[in-house]
């Protein structure tokens, strides 16, 4: 079961790292109010990514390994 939880965690970590680096570079290039607006985006995206990862781990623990089969 732990093997199946590894992929969502790794993908989430990669996405959060990507958001941080991408928006960090953009924040370095822009000035003014846009710097703060761009600072909010990676926080929101990271929070959403963590939420989706937690939901997926719950599905795996409940035994819903292939949730696409329900549709």
C-alpha atoms as a PDB file:
ATOM      1  CA  UNK A   1       0.000   0.000   0.000  1.00  0.00           C
ATOM      2  CA  UNK A   2       2.865   2.382   0.756  1.00  0.00           C
ATOM      3  CA  UNK A   3       4.177   1.815  -2.743  1.00  0.00           C
ATOM      4  CA  UNK A   4       0.908   3.121  -4.195  1.00  0.00           C
ATOM      5  CA  UNK A   5       1.066   6.243  -2.022  1.00  0.00           C
ATOM      6  CA  UNK A   6       4.559   7.122  -3.195  1.00  0.00           C
ATOM      7  CA  UNK A   7       3.522   8.398  -6.633  1.00  0.00           C
ATOM      8  CA  UNK A   8       0.996  11.018  -5.442  1.00  0.00           C
ATOM      9  CA  UNK A   9       3.454  12.297  -2.837  1.00  0.00           C
ATOM     10  CA  UNK A  10       6.345  12.527  -5.306  1.00  0.00           C
ATOM     11  CA  UNK A  11       4.218  14.227  -7.964  1.00  0.00           C
ATOM     12  CA  UNK A  12       2.888  16.703  -5.400  1.00  0.00           C
ATOM     13  CA  UNK A  13       6.395  17.515  -4.197  1.00  0.00           C
ATOM     14  CA  UNK A  14       7.596  18.079  -7.771  1.00  0.00           C
ATOM     15  CA  UNK A  15       4.641  20.358  -8.523  1.00  0.00           C
ATOM     16  CA  UNK A  16       5.182  22.414  -5.362  1.00  0.00           C
ATOM     17  CA  UNK A  17       8.876  22.778  -6.188  1.00  0.00           C
ATOM     18  CA  UNK A  18       7.981  23.807  -9.741  1.00  0.00           C
ATOM     19  CA  UNK A  19       5.489  26.410  -8.525  1.00  0.00           C
ATOM     20  CA  UNK A  20       8.050  27.848  -6.148  1.00  0.00           C
ATOM     21  CA  UNK A  21      10.844  28.083  -8.713  1.00  0.00           C
ATOM     22  CA  UNK A  22       8.661  29.323 -11.585  1.00  0.00           C
ATOM     23  CA  UNK A  23       6.901  32.031  -9.628  1.00  0.00           C
ATOM     24  CA  UNK A  24      10.111  32.889  -7.780  1.00  0.00           C
ATOM     25  CA  UNK A  25      11.802  33.665 -11.096  1.00  0.00           C
ATOM     26  CA  UNK A  26       8.781  35.685 -12.227  1.00  0.00           C
ATOM     27  CA  UNK A  27       8.765  37.629  -8.958  1.00  0.00           C
ATOM     28  CA  UNK A  28      12.405  38.510  -9.543  1.00  0.00           C
ATOM     29  CA  UNK A  29      11.586  39.917 -12.972  1.00  0.00           C
ATOM     30  CA  UNK A  30       8.575  42.007 -11.988  1.00  0.00           C
ATOM     31  CA  UNK A  31       8.250  44.903  -9.595  1.00  0.00           C
ATOM     32  CA  UNK A  32       5.495  46.698  -7.780  1.00  0.00           C
ATOM     33  CA  UNK A  33       2.135  45.192  -6.863  1.00  0.00           C
ATOM     34  CA  UNK A  34       2.568  42.329  -9.341  1.00  0.00           C
ATOM     35  CA  UNK A  35       5.303  40.918  -7.128  1.00  0.00           C
ATOM     36  CA  UNK A  36       2.758  40.354  -4.345  1.00  0.00           C
ATOM     37  CA  UNK A  37       0.106  39.022  -6.704  1.00  0.00           C
ATOM     38  CA  UNK A  38       2.606  36.514  -8.071  1.00  0.00           C
ATOM     39  CA  UNK A  39       3.541  35.609  -4.499  1.00  0.00           C
ATOM     40  CA  UNK A  40      -0.021  34.539  -3.741  1.00  0.00           C
ATOM     41  CA  UNK A  41      -0.340  32.205  -6.743  1.00  0.00           C
ATOM     42  CA  UNK A  42       2.217  29.543  -5.704  1.00  0.00           C
ATOM     43  CA  UNK A  43       0.778  29.437  -2.183  1.00  0.00           C
ATOM     44  CA  UNK A  44      -2.730  28.809  -3.535  1.00  0.00           C
ATOM     45  CA  UNK A  45      -1.524  26.254  -6.091  1.00  0.00           C
ATOM     46  CA  UNK A  46       0.568  24.464  -3.475  1.00  0.00           C
ATOM     47  CA  UNK A  47      -2.363  24.312  -1.044  1.00  0.00           C
ATOM     48  CA  UNK A  48      -4.584  22.849  -3.772  1.00  0.00           C
ATOM     49  CA  UNK A  49      -1.911  20.301  -4.673  1.00  0.00           C
ATOM     50  CA  UNK A  50      -1.558  19.199  -1.048  1.00  0.00           C
ATOM     51  CA  UNK A  51      -5.354  18.914  -0.750  1.00  0.00           C
ATOM     52  CA  UNK A  52      -5.586  16.725  -3.833  1.00  0.00           C
ATOM     53  CA  UNK A  53      -2.681  14.581  -2.598  1.00  0.00           C
ATOM     54  CA  UNK A  54      -4.355  14.058   0.788  1.00  0.00           C
ATOM     55  CA  UNK A  55      -7.619  13.114  -0.914  1.00  0.00           C
ATOM     56  CA  UNK A  56      -5.819  10.614  -3.151  1.00  0.00           C
ATOM     57  CA  UNK A  57      -4.059   9.025  -0.166  1.00  0.00           C
ATOM     58  CA  UNK A  58      -7.429   8.637   1.578  1.00  0.00           C
ATOM     59  CA  UNK A  59      -8.822   6.944  -1.533  1.00  0.00           C
ATOM     60  CA  UNK A  60      -5.877   4.543  -1.629  1.00  0.00           C
ATOM     61  CA  UNK A  61      -6.331   3.683   2.057  1.00  0.00           C
ATOM     62  CA  UNK A  62     -10.036   2.975   1.515  1.00  0.00           C
ATOM     63  CA  UNK A  63      -9.164   0.616  -1.331  1.00  0.00           C
ATOM     64  CA  UNK A  64     -10.284   2.816  -4.215  1.00  0.00           C
ATOM     65  CA  UNK A  65      -7.095   2.308  -6.148  1.00  0.00           C
ATOM     66  CA  UNK A  66      -8.659   2.758  -9.569  1.00  0.00           C
ATOM     67  CA  UNK A  67     -11.225   5.499  -9.024  1.00  0.00           C
ATOM     68  CA  UNK A  68     -11.722   6.008 -12.766  1.00  0.00           C
ATOM     69  CA  UNK A  69     -13.475   2.646 -12.911  1.00  0.00           C
ATOM     70  CA  UNK A  70     -16.471   4.187 -11.111  1.00  0.00           C
ATOM     71  CA  UNK A  71     -17.405   6.368 -14.072  1.00  0.00           C
END
